[in-house]
Amino acid sequence: MAGIPPKPWPTGEAEQLEPLVKRVLAPNPSPYTYTGTQTYVVGEIGGPDCAVIDPGPHDPAHIDAIRAAVGDAKVAAIMCTHTHRDHSPAAAPLATRTGAPIVGCAPLVLKTDLPRADEAFDTTYAPDRVLEDGEQMRGTGWTLTAVATPGHTSNHLCFALEESASLFTGDHVMGWSTSVVIPPDGDMGDYMASLEKLMAREDKVYHSAHGAAITKPQQLVRGMIGHRRQRENQILRLLGEAARPVSDFIPAMYKGLDERLIGAAEMSVTAHLIDLEKRGLAALDGEVWRKN
């Protein structure tokens, strides 16, 4: 996990990252969002239309900043990678202001009593069109293809910008930290399969919802897969020593962890344990996990 850079951050500014891509940072920094959620505007400079990816939290100042970045272009689509509350709530008010359809991931309402440590789900999200894997949105000089990447959430999509071989990765692959996978909706087996899916692609750069652009994407994804396998091996080793509750894994696996992130770490370990259980390598007895 990267340290948060010193202020000032470019909150509310439209940064031109490449000829077809602008980035606008939302004012919602936290231990789970880094300096904030990054919204992307895709379209030609001075072009007639554009798409907005991950409009972010329902914050009037951020919505104003998106409108300023769009300028005179018509918003052809408001596209959401997933429905955590730092990603999709601005979709509805932005749609009202622009007349644009909301397009992208499927809606998701998570019904659970499990404790959560990441951003809660946006239960107001109502897309006009849900994109399936491989479906596209097109505008003047730009084409965005949906790439299904479940794992962080079951409805997570990435969007590939075909003209520049860029991939908007939402929270699936981030530029500052590994993604949090939290059951029951987050699924570690699905997440690993989605990472392998990205490894088979030839994207040149990733633009994530949090953190800097990723210019060596395959190298990063390979490292993320290795990191998850290392965590899995740590869990199996600890289970081999003794059966234990989830909380007992954290001191051994996460040295010097920020106390604010302990809940997220416990959920991540739980996701690994559930995946191991599905594969017949671990079992839950009451509140204690043991090795099979």
C-alpha atoms as a PDB file:
ATOM      1  CA  MET A   1       0.000   0.000   0.000  1.00  0.00           C
ATOM      2  CA  ALA A   2       1.444   3.361  -1.049  1.00  0.00           C
ATOM      3  CA  GLY A   3       1.645   6.245   1.375  1.00  0.00           C
ATOM      4  CA  ILE A   4      -0.752   9.108   0.700  1.00  0.00           C
ATOM      5  CA  PRO A   5       1.170  11.911  -1.067  1.00  0.00           C
ATOM      6  CA  PRO A   6       1.375  15.332   0.553  1.00  0.00           C
ATOM      7  CA  LYS A   7      -1.194  17.967  -0.312  1.00  0.00           C
ATOM      8  CA  PRO A   8      -2.159  19.822  -2.404  1.00  0.00           C
ATOM      9  CA  TRP A   9      -4.000  17.191  -4.420  1.00  0.00           C
ATOM     10  CA  PRO A  10      -5.585  18.113  -7.776  1.00  0.00           C
ATOM     11  CA  THR A  11      -9.122  17.812  -6.382  1.00  0.00           C
ATOM     12  CA  GLY A  12     -11.712  19.151  -8.818  1.00  0.00           C
ATOM     13  CA  GLU A  13      -9.198  19.824 -11.608  1.00  0.00           C
ATOM     14  CA  ALA A  14      -9.512  18.329 -15.100  1.00  0.00           C
ATOM     15  CA  GLU A  15      -6.161  16.676 -15.853  1.00  0.00           C
ATOM     16  CA  GLN A  16      -5.510  15.620 -19.473  1.00  0.00           C
ATOM     17  CA  LEU A  17      -3.836  12.186 -19.191  1.00  0.00           C
ATOM     18  CA  GLU A  18      -3.864  11.259 -22.880  1.00  0.00           C
ATOM     19  CA  PRO A  19      -5.589  12.660 -25.987  1.00  0.00           C
ATOM     20  CA  LEU A  20      -8.879  10.918 -25.208  1.00  0.00           C
ATOM     21  CA  VAL A  21      -8.787  10.889 -21.387  1.00  0.00           C
ATOM     22  CA  LYS A  22      -9.290  13.495 -18.666  1.00  0.00           C
ATOM     23  CA  ARG A  23      -9.277  12.744 -14.935  1.00  0.00           C
ATOM     24  CA  VAL A  24     -11.164  14.580 -12.168  1.00  0.00           C
ATOM     25  CA  LEU A  25     -10.418  13.782  -8.511  1.00  0.00           C
ATOM     26  CA  ALA A  26     -13.350  13.755  -6.065  1.00  0.00           C
ATOM     27  CA  PRO A  27     -13.002  15.308  -2.566  1.00  0.00           C
ATOM     28  CA  ASN A  28     -13.451  12.032  -0.655  1.00  0.00           C
ATOM     29  CA  PRO A  29     -10.031  10.929   0.646  1.00  0.00           C
ATOM     30  CA  SER A  30      -9.955   8.104   3.210  1.00  0.00           C
ATOM     31  CA  PRO A  31      -7.947   4.995   4.182  1.00  0.00           C
ATOM     32  CA  TYR A  32     -10.020   3.139   1.559  1.00  0.00           C
ATOM     33  CA  THR A  33     -10.091   5.719  -1.246  1.00  0.00           C
ATOM     34  CA  TYR A  34      -6.532   7.130  -1.089  1.00  0.00           C
ATOM     35  CA  THR A  35      -6.676  10.800  -2.200  1.00  0.00           C
ATOM     36  CA  GLY A  36     -10.233  10.259  -3.459  1.00  0.00           C
ATOM     37  CA  THR A  37     -12.199   8.610  -6.250  1.00  0.00           C
ATOM     38  CA  GLN A  38     -11.045   9.432  -9.770  1.00  0.00           C
ATOM     39  CA  THR A  39     -13.679  10.129 -12.422  1.00  0.00           C
ATOM     40  CA  TYR A  40     -12.671   9.872 -16.070  1.00  0.00           C
ATOM     41  CA  VAL A  41     -14.017  11.787 -19.059  1.00  0.00           C
ATOM     42  CA  VAL A  42     -13.383   9.978 -22.361  1.00  0.00           C
ATOM     43  CA  GLY A  43     -13.643  11.853 -25.637  1.00  0.00           C
ATOM     44  CA  GLU A  44     -11.717  13.885 -28.183  1.00  0.00           C
ATOM     45  CA  ILE A  45     -10.410  17.282 -27.082  1.00  0.00           C
ATOM     46  CA  GLY A  46     -13.061  19.698 -28.281  1.00  0.00           C
ATOM     47  CA  GLY A  47     -15.069  16.740 -29.591  1.00  0.00           C
ATOM     48  CA  PRO A  48     -18.878  16.617 -29.794  1.00  0.00           C
ATOM     49  CA  ASP A  49     -19.437  13.817 -27.281  1.00  0.00           C
ATOM     50  CA  CYS A  50     -17.874  11.948 -24.385  1.00  0.00           C
ATOM     51  CA  ALA A  51     -18.409   9.283 -21.750  1.00  0.00           C
ATOM     52  CA  VAL A  52     -18.031   9.741 -17.991  1.00  0.00           C
ATOM     53  CA  ILE A  53     -16.598   6.752 -16.097  1.00  0.00           C
ATOM     54  CA  ASP A  54     -17.213   6.316 -12.361  1.00  0.00           C
ATOM     55  CA  PRO A  55     -18.933   9.646 -11.615  1.00  0.00           C
ATOM     56  CA  GLY A  56     -18.132   9.159  -7.923  1.00  0.00           C
ATOM     57  CA  PRO A  57     -19.895  10.220  -4.717  1.00  0.00           C
ATOM     58  CA  HIS A  58     -22.982  12.429  -4.646  1.00  0.00           C
ATOM     59  CA  ASP A  59     -21.012  15.624  -4.013  1.00  0.00           C
ATOM     60  CA  PRO A  60     -22.246  18.837  -5.689  1.00  0.00           C
ATOM     61  CA  ALA A  61     -18.731  20.278  -6.035  1.00  0.00           C
ATOM     62  CA  HIS A  62     -17.499  17.115  -7.752  1.00  0.00           C
ATOM     63  CA  ILE A  63     -20.500  17.015 -10.098  1.00  0.00           C
ATOM     64  CA  ASP A  64     -19.787  20.648 -10.992  1.00  0.00           C
ATOM     65  CA  ALA A  65     -16.154  19.723 -11.677  1.00  0.00           C
ATOM     66  CA  ILE A  66     -17.241  16.887 -13.991  1.00  0.00           C
ATOM     67  CA  ARG A  67     -19.547  19.247 -15.893  1.00  0.00           C
ATOM     68  CA  ALA A  68     -16.675  21.716 -16.262  1.00  0.00           C
ATOM     69  CA  ALA A  69     -14.395  18.950 -17.594  1.00  0.00           C
ATOM     70  CA  VAL A  70     -17.067  17.891 -20.093  1.00  0.00           C
ATOM     71  CA  GLY A  71     -17.446  21.450 -21.402  1.00  0.00           C
ATOM     72  CA  ASP A  72     -19.721  21.741 -24.427  1.00  0.00           C
ATOM     73  CA  ALA A  73     -19.564  18.039 -25.310  1.00  0.00           C
ATOM     74  CA  LYS A  74     -22.685  15.893 -25.103  1.00  0.00           C
ATOM     75  CA  VAL A  75     -22.408  13.195 -22.445  1.00  0.00           C
ATOM     76  CA  ALA A  76     -23.250  10.046 -24.401  1.00  0.00           C
ATOM     77  CA  ALA A  77     -23.046   7.723 -21.398  1.00  0.00           C
ATOM     78  CA  ILE A  78     -22.389   7.739 -17.664  1.00  0.00           C
ATOM     79  CA  MET A  79     -20.560   4.455 -17.039  1.00  0.00           C
ATOM     80  CA  CYS A  80     -20.064   2.770 -13.657  1.00  0.00           C
ATOM     81  CA  THR A  81     -17.548   0.002 -12.938  1.00  0.00           C
ATOM     82  CA  HIS A  82     -19.407  -1.075  -9.783  1.00  0.00           C
ATOM     83  CA  THR A  83     -21.755   0.242  -7.143  1.00  0.00           C
ATOM     84  CA  HIS A  84     -19.720   1.032  -4.072  1.00  0.00           C
ATOM     85  CA  ARG A  85     -20.849   4.352  -2.670  1.00  0.00           C
ATOM     86  CA  ASP A  86     -17.710   6.199  -3.714  1.00  0.00           C
ATOM     87  CA  HIS A  87     -18.269   5.278  -7.381  1.00  0.00           C
ATOM     88  CA  SER A  88     -21.877   5.455  -8.566  1.00  0.00           C
ATOM     89  CA  PRO A  89     -24.106   7.818  -6.492  1.00  0.00           C
ATOM     90  CA  ALA A  90     -23.272  10.853  -8.676  1.00  0.00           C
ATOM     91  CA  ALA A  91     -24.632   8.987 -11.718  1.00  0.00           C
ATOM     92  CA  ALA A  92     -28.272   9.936 -11.100  1.00  0.00           C
ATOM     93  CA  PRO A  93     -27.779  13.681 -10.488  1.00  0.00           C
ATOM     94  CA  LEU A  94     -25.314  13.881 -13.380  1.00  0.00           C
ATOM     95  CA  ALA A  95     -27.847  12.123 -15.625  1.00  0.00           C
ATOM     96  CA  THR A  96     -30.478  14.660 -14.569  1.00  0.00           C
ATOM     97  CA  ARG A  97     -28.200  17.550 -15.487  1.00  0.00           C
ATOM     98  CA  THR A  98     -26.976  16.110 -18.796  1.00  0.00           C
ATOM     99  CA  GLY A  99     -29.766  13.851 -20.033  1.00  0.00           C
ATOM    100  CA  ALA A 100     -27.229  11.047 -20.466  1.00  0.00           C
ATOM    101  CA  PRO A 101     -28.111   7.382 -19.902  1.00  0.00           C
ATOM    102  CA  ILE A 102     -26.511   5.454 -17.058  1.00  0.00           C
ATOM    103  CA  VAL A 103     -24.701   2.472 -18.559  1.00  0.00           C
ATOM    104  CA  GLY A 104     -22.390  -0.231 -17.258  1.00  0.00           C
ATOM    105  CA  CYS A 105     -22.490  -2.624 -14.336  1.00  0.00           C
ATOM    106  CA  ALA A 106     -25.613  -4.346 -13.088  1.00  0.00           C
ATOM    107  CA  PRO A 107     -27.363  -3.012  -9.972  1.00  0.00           C
ATOM    108  CA  LEU A 108     -26.559  -4.754  -6.722  1.00  0.00           C
ATOM    109  CA  VAL A 109     -28.259  -4.655  -3.355  1.00  0.00           C
ATOM    110  CA  LEU A 110     -26.282  -6.604  -0.785  1.00  0.00           C
ATOM    111  CA  LYS A 111     -28.378  -8.004   2.054  1.00  0.00           C
ATOM    112  CA  THR A 112     -26.055  -9.062   4.836  1.00  0.00           C
ATOM    113  CA  ASP A 113     -25.478  -8.649   8.536  1.00  0.00           C
ATOM    114  CA  LEU A 114     -21.732  -9.172   8.182  1.00  0.00           C
ATOM    115  CA  PRO A 115     -19.548  -6.256   9.304  1.00  0.00           C
ATOM    116  CA  ARG A 116     -18.211  -4.165   6.436  1.00  0.00           C
ATOM    117  CA  ALA A 117     -14.961  -2.240   6.259  1.00  0.00           C
ATOM    118  CA  ASP A 118     -15.075  -0.769   2.751  1.00  0.00           C
ATOM    119  CA  GLU A 119     -17.474   1.717   1.180  1.00  0.00           C
ATOM    120  CA  ALA A 120     -21.084   0.562   1.425  1.00  0.00           C
ATOM    121  CA  PHE A 121     -23.078  -0.296  -1.684  1.00  0.00           C
ATOM    122  CA  ASP A 122     -25.140   2.313  -3.497  1.00  0.00           C
ATOM    123  CA  THR A 123     -28.719   1.046  -3.309  1.00  0.00           C
ATOM    124  CA  THR A 124     -30.037   3.923  -5.476  1.00  0.00           C
ATOM    125  CA  TYR A 125     -28.112   2.901  -8.592  1.00  0.00           C
ATOM    126  CA  ALA A 126     -30.515   2.323 -11.509  1.00  0.00           C
ATOM    127  CA  PRO A 127     -28.828   1.816 -14.899  1.00  0.00           C
ATOM    128  CA  ASP A 128     -30.627   2.427 -18.179  1.00  0.00           C
ATOM    129  CA  ARG A 129     -28.508  -0.288 -19.780  1.00  0.00           C
ATOM    130  CA  VAL A 130     -26.393  -3.090 -18.312  1.00  0.00           C
ATOM    131  CA  LEU A 131     -23.337  -4.053 -20.357  1.00  0.00           C
ATOM    132  CA  GLU A 132     -22.367  -7.683 -20.738  1.00  0.00           C
ATOM    133  CA  ASP A 133     -18.774  -8.815 -21.219  1.00  0.00           C
ATOM    134  CA  GLY A 134     -17.590  -7.609 -24.645  1.00  0.00           C
ATOM    135  CA  GLU A 135     -20.415  -5.116 -25.266  1.00  0.00           C
ATOM    136  CA  GLN A 136     -19.414  -1.639 -26.394  1.00  0.00           C
ATOM    137  CA  MET A 137     -20.298   2.031 -26.143  1.00  0.00           C
ATOM    138  CA  ARG A 138     -19.142   4.241 -29.031  1.00  0.00           C
ATOM    139  CA  GLY A 139     -18.723   7.947 -29.626  1.00  0.00           C
ATOM    140  CA  THR A 140     -16.789  10.254 -31.927  1.00  0.00           C
ATOM    141  CA  GLY A 141     -13.283   8.792 -32.016  1.00  0.00           C
ATOM    142  CA  TRP A 142     -13.707   6.529 -28.980  1.00  0.00           C
ATOM    143  CA  THR A 143     -14.871   2.996 -28.250  1.00  0.00           C
ATOM    144  CA  LEU A 144     -15.300   1.532 -24.768  1.00  0.00           C
ATOM    145  CA  THR A 145     -15.617  -2.238 -24.346  1.00  0.00           C
ATOM    146  CA  ALA A 146     -16.924  -3.834 -21.157  1.00  0.00           C
ATOM    147  CA  VAL A 147     -14.595  -6.393 -19.556  1.00  0.00           C
ATOM    148  CA  ALA A 148     -16.310  -8.405 -16.825  1.00  0.00           C
ATOM    149  CA  THR A 149     -14.043  -8.625 -13.760  1.00  0.00           C
ATOM    150  CA  PRO A 150     -16.013  -9.961 -10.783  1.00  0.00           C
ATOM    151  CA  GLY A 151     -14.258 -10.453  -7.460  1.00  0.00           C
ATOM    152  CA  HIS A 152     -13.968  -7.116  -5.658  1.00  0.00           C
ATOM    153  CA  THR A 153     -17.726  -7.080  -6.198  1.00  0.00           C
ATOM    154  CA  SER A 154     -19.825  -9.532  -8.183  1.00  0.00           C
ATOM    155  CA  ASN A 155     -20.949  -6.796 -10.619  1.00  0.00           C
ATOM    156  CA  HIS A 156     -17.533  -5.245 -11.322  1.00  0.00           C
ATOM    157  CA  LEU A 157     -16.670  -4.231 -14.886  1.00  0.00           C
ATOM    158  CA  CYS A 158     -13.557  -2.707 -16.409  1.00  0.00           C
ATOM    159  CA  PHE A 159     -13.800  -0.615 -19.581  1.00  0.00           C
ATOM    160  CA  ALA A 160     -11.245  -0.910 -22.399  1.00  0.00           C
ATOM    161  CA  LEU A 161     -10.580   2.173 -24.538  1.00  0.00           C
ATOM    162  CA  GLU A 162      -9.823   0.492 -27.849  1.00  0.00           C
ATOM    163  CA  GLU A 163      -8.196   3.511 -29.537  1.00  0.00           C
ATOM    164  CA  SER A 164      -5.354   3.780 -27.012  1.00  0.00           C
ATOM    165  CA  ALA A 165      -5.235   0.270 -25.492  1.00  0.00           C
ATOM    166  CA  SER A 166      -6.062   1.776 -22.091  1.00  0.00           C
ATOM    167  CA  LEU A 167      -8.146   0.005 -19.466  1.00  0.00           C
ATOM    168  CA  PHE A 168     -10.261   1.714 -16.807  1.00  0.00           C
ATOM    169  CA  THR A 169      -9.956  -0.735 -13.936  1.00  0.00           C
ATOM    170  CA  GLY A 170     -12.177   0.762 -11.230  1.00  0.00           C
ATOM    171  CA  ASP A 171     -11.226  -0.976  -7.972  1.00  0.00           C
ATOM    172  CA  HIS A 172     -10.199  -4.286  -9.557  1.00  0.00           C
ATOM    173  CA  VAL A 173      -6.593  -3.122 -10.018  1.00  0.00           C
ATOM    174  CA  MET A 174      -5.616   0.130  -8.317  1.00  0.00           C
ATOM    175  CA  GLY A 175      -2.596   2.397  -8.543  1.00  0.00           C
ATOM    176  CA  TRP A 176      -1.950   2.557  -4.810  1.00  0.00           C
ATOM    177  CA  SER A 177      -3.038  -0.679  -3.103  1.00  0.00           C
ATOM    178  CA  THR A 178      -4.363  -4.168  -3.676  1.00  0.00           C
ATOM    179  CA  SER A 179      -8.138  -4.419  -3.915  1.00  0.00           C
ATOM    180  CA  VAL A 180     -10.188  -5.430  -0.881  1.00  0.00           C
ATOM    181  CA  VAL A 181     -12.267  -8.579  -1.424  1.00  0.00           C
ATOM    182  CA  ILE A 182     -15.051  -8.748   1.149  1.00  0.00           C
ATOM    183  CA  PRO A 183     -17.569 -11.605   1.439  1.00  0.00           C
ATOM    184  CA  PRO A 184     -20.337 -12.378   0.903  1.00  0.00           C
ATOM    185  CA  ASP A 185     -20.444 -10.443  -2.387  1.00  0.00           C
ATOM    186  CA  GLY A 186     -16.680 -10.243  -2.869  1.00  0.00           C
ATOM    187  CA  ASP A 187     -15.280 -13.587  -4.011  1.00  0.00           C
ATOM    188  CA  MET A 188     -11.571 -14.444  -3.934  1.00  0.00           C
ATOM    189  CA  GLY A 189     -11.850 -17.227  -6.532  1.00  0.00           C
ATOM    190  CA  ASP A 190     -13.603 -14.864  -8.942  1.00  0.00           C
ATOM    191  CA  TYR A 191     -11.071 -12.131  -8.188  1.00  0.00           C
ATOM    192  CA  MET A 192      -8.104 -14.373  -8.997  1.00  0.00           C
ATOM    193  CA  ALA A 193      -9.776 -15.551 -12.226  1.00  0.00           C
ATOM    194  CA  SER A 194     -10.364 -11.908 -13.210  1.00  0.00           C
ATOM    195  CA  LEU A 195      -6.698 -11.083 -12.611  1.00  0.00           C
ATOM    196  CA  GLU A 196      -5.709 -14.001 -14.837  1.00  0.00           C
ATOM    197  CA  LYS A 197      -8.124 -12.651 -17.454  1.00  0.00           C
ATOM    198  CA  LEU A 198      -6.346  -9.288 -17.454  1.00  0.00           C
ATOM    199  CA  MET A 199      -2.965 -11.027 -17.712  1.00  0.00           C
ATOM    200  CA  ALA A 200      -4.073 -12.457 -21.066  1.00  0.00           C
ATOM    201  CA  ARG A 201      -4.869  -8.978 -22.434  1.00  0.00           C
ATOM    202  CA  GLU A 202      -2.440  -6.512 -24.025  1.00  0.00           C
ATOM    203  CA  ASP A 203      -3.501  -3.231 -22.456  1.00  0.00           C
ATOM    204  CA  LYS A 204      -0.755  -0.603 -22.374  1.00  0.00           C
ATOM    205  CA  VAL A 205      -1.926   1.430 -19.377  1.00  0.00           C
ATOM    206  CA  TYR A 206      -4.471   1.100 -16.577  1.00  0.00           C
ATOM    207  CA  HIS A 207      -6.435   4.073 -15.260  1.00  0.00           C
ATOM    208  CA  SER A 208      -7.801   3.047 -11.873  1.00  0.00           C
ATOM    209  CA  ALA A 209     -10.306   4.733  -9.584  1.00  0.00           C
ATOM    210  CA  HIS A 210      -7.631   5.380  -6.955  1.00  0.00           C
ATOM    211  CA  GLY A 211      -3.969   6.187  -7.488  1.00  0.00           C
ATOM    212  CA  ALA A 212      -1.627   6.953 -10.368  1.00  0.00           C
ATOM    213  CA  ALA A 213      -1.850   5.537 -13.869  1.00  0.00           C
ATOM    214  CA  ILE A 214      -0.314   2.064 -14.135  1.00  0.00           C
ATOM    215  CA  THR A 215       2.169   1.989 -17.013  1.00  0.00           C
ATOM    216  CA  LYS A 216       3.394  -1.590 -16.582  1.00  0.00           C
ATOM    217  CA  PRO A 217       0.043  -3.316 -16.087  1.00  0.00           C
ATOM    218  CA  GLN A 218       0.990  -6.946 -16.746  1.00  0.00           C
ATOM    219  CA  GLN A 219       3.927  -6.673 -14.354  1.00  0.00           C
ATOM    220  CA  LEU A 220       1.667  -5.269 -11.641  1.00  0.00           C
ATOM    221  CA  VAL A 221      -1.039  -7.903 -12.166  1.00  0.00           C
ATOM    222  CA  ARG A 222       1.564 -10.676 -12.065  1.00  0.00           C
ATOM    223  CA  GLY A 223       2.769  -9.285  -8.741  1.00  0.00           C
ATOM    224  CA  MET A 224      -0.791  -9.072  -7.420  1.00  0.00           C
ATOM    225  CA  ILE A 225      -1.426 -12.705  -8.285  1.00  0.00           C
ATOM    226  CA  GLY A 226       1.811 -13.652  -6.531  1.00  0.00           C
ATOM    227  CA  HIS A 227       0.844 -11.575  -3.500  1.00  0.00           C
ATOM    228  CA  ARG A 228      -2.506 -13.340  -3.182  1.00  0.00           C
ATOM    229  CA  ARG A 229      -0.868 -16.748  -3.539  1.00  0.00           C
ATOM    230  CA  GLN A 230       1.578 -15.754  -0.809  1.00  0.00           C
ATOM    231  CA  ARG A 231      -1.316 -14.794   1.473  1.00  0.00           C
ATOM    232  CA  GLU A 232      -2.995 -18.103   0.738  1.00  0.00           C
ATOM    233  CA  ASN A 233       0.190 -19.997   1.624  1.00  0.00           C
ATOM    234  CA  GLN A 234       0.514 -18.015   4.873  1.00  0.00           C
ATOM    235  CA  ILE A 235      -3.031 -18.987   5.814  1.00  0.00           C
ATOM    236  CA  LEU A 236      -2.434 -22.657   5.045  1.00  0.00           C
ATOM    237  CA  ARG A 237       0.783 -22.614   7.074  1.00  0.00           C
ATOM    238  CA  LEU A 238      -0.969 -21.031  10.071  1.00  0.00           C
ATOM    239  CA  LEU A 239      -3.839 -23.497   9.790  1.00  0.00           C
ATOM    240  CA  GLY A 240      -1.272 -26.277   9.761  1.00  0.00           C
ATOM    241  CA  GLU A 241      -0.005 -25.072  13.121  1.00  0.00           C
ATOM    242  CA  ALA A 242      -3.424 -24.817  14.795  1.00  0.00           C
ATOM    243  CA  ALA A 243      -7.091 -24.189  14.180  1.00  0.00           C
ATOM    244  CA  ARG A 244      -7.893 -20.537  14.862  1.00  0.00           C
ATOM    245  CA  PRO A 245     -10.457 -17.739  14.451  1.00  0.00           C
ATOM    246  CA  VAL A 246      -9.973 -15.141  11.723  1.00  0.00           C
ATOM    247  CA  SER A 247      -8.709 -12.502  14.169  1.00  0.00           C
ATOM    248  CA  ASP A 248      -5.692 -14.677  15.054  1.00  0.00           C
ATOM    249  CA  PHE A 249      -4.361 -14.512  11.488  1.00  0.00           C
ATOM    250  CA  ILE A 250      -3.949 -10.745  11.407  1.00  0.00           C
ATOM    251  CA  PRO A 251      -0.955 -10.209  13.759  1.00  0.00           C
ATOM    252  CA  ALA A 252       1.031 -12.910  11.978  1.00  0.00           C
ATOM    253  CA  MET A 253       0.156 -11.807   8.427  1.00  0.00           C
ATOM    254  CA  TYR A 254      -0.053  -8.001   8.621  1.00  0.00           C
ATOM    255  CA  LYS A 255       2.870  -6.550  10.528  1.00  0.00           C
ATOM    256  CA  GLY A 256       2.418  -2.919  11.575  1.00  0.00           C
ATOM    257  CA  LEU A 257      -1.069  -2.652  10.070  1.00  0.00           C
ATOM    258  CA  ASP A 258      -2.947   0.625  10.536  1.00  0.00           C
ATOM    259  CA  GLU A 259      -5.636  -0.126  13.141  1.00  0.00           C
ATOM    260  CA  ARG A 260      -8.240   1.445  10.871  1.00  0.00           C
ATOM    261  CA  LEU A 261      -7.602  -1.336   8.332  1.00  0.00           C
ATOM    262  CA  ILE A 262      -7.870  -4.339  10.673  1.00  0.00           C
ATOM    263  CA  GLY A 263     -11.501  -4.941   9.717  1.00  0.00           C
ATOM    264  CA  ALA A 264     -10.620  -4.932   6.014  1.00  0.00           C
ATOM    265  CA  ALA A 265      -7.731  -7.344   6.637  1.00  0.00           C
ATOM    266  CA  GLU A 266     -10.024  -9.728   8.519  1.00  0.00           C
ATOM    267  CA  MET A 267     -12.523  -9.680   5.657  1.00  0.00           C
ATOM    268  CA  SER A 268      -9.746 -10.324   3.134  1.00  0.00           C
ATOM    269  CA  VAL A 269      -8.504 -13.315   5.148  1.00  0.00           C
ATOM    270  CA  THR A 270     -12.097 -14.526   5.374  1.00  0.00           C
ATOM    271  CA  ALA A 271     -12.381 -14.322   1.585  1.00  0.00           C
ATOM    272  CA  HIS A 272      -9.261 -16.488   1.241  1.00  0.00           C
ATOM    273  CA  LEU A 273     -10.610 -18.980   3.802  1.00  0.00           C
ATOM    274  CA  ILE A 274     -13.949 -19.273   2.018  1.00  0.00           C
ATOM    275  CA  ASP A 275     -12.117 -19.901  -1.257  1.00  0.00           C
ATOM    276  CA  LEU A 276      -9.958 -22.562   0.418  1.00  0.00           C
ATOM    277  CA  GLU A 277     -13.116 -24.121   1.855  1.00  0.00           C
ATOM    278  CA  LYS A 278     -14.663 -24.304  -1.628  1.00  0.00           C
ATOM    279  CA  ARG A 279     -11.517 -26.080  -2.817  1.00  0.00           C
ATOM    280  CA  GLY A 280     -11.604 -28.563   0.075  1.00  0.00           C
ATOM    281  CA  LEU A 281      -8.475 -27.203   1.764  1.00  0.00           C
ATOM    282  CA  ALA A 282     -10.044 -25.612   4.871  1.00  0.00           C
ATOM    283  CA  ALA A 283     -13.192 -25.976   6.981  1.00  0.00           C
ATOM    284  CA  LEU A 284     -15.082 -23.822   9.459  1.00  0.00           C
ATOM    285  CA  ASP A 285     -16.009 -25.303  12.857  1.00  0.00           C
ATOM    286  CA  GLY A 286     -18.165 -22.743  14.626  1.00  0.00           C
ATOM    287  CA  GLU A 287     -15.975 -19.623  14.647  1.00  0.00           C
ATOM    288  CA  VAL A 288     -12.698 -21.502  14.223  1.00  0.00           C
ATOM    289  CA  TRP A 289     -11.068 -22.416  10.913  1.00  0.00           C
ATOM    290  CA  ARG A 290      -9.023 -25.596  10.518  1.00  0.00           C
ATOM    291  CA  LYS A 291      -7.023 -27.187   7.745  1.00  0.00           C
ATOM    292  CA  ASN A 292      -8.534 -30.145   5.887  1.00  0.00           C
END
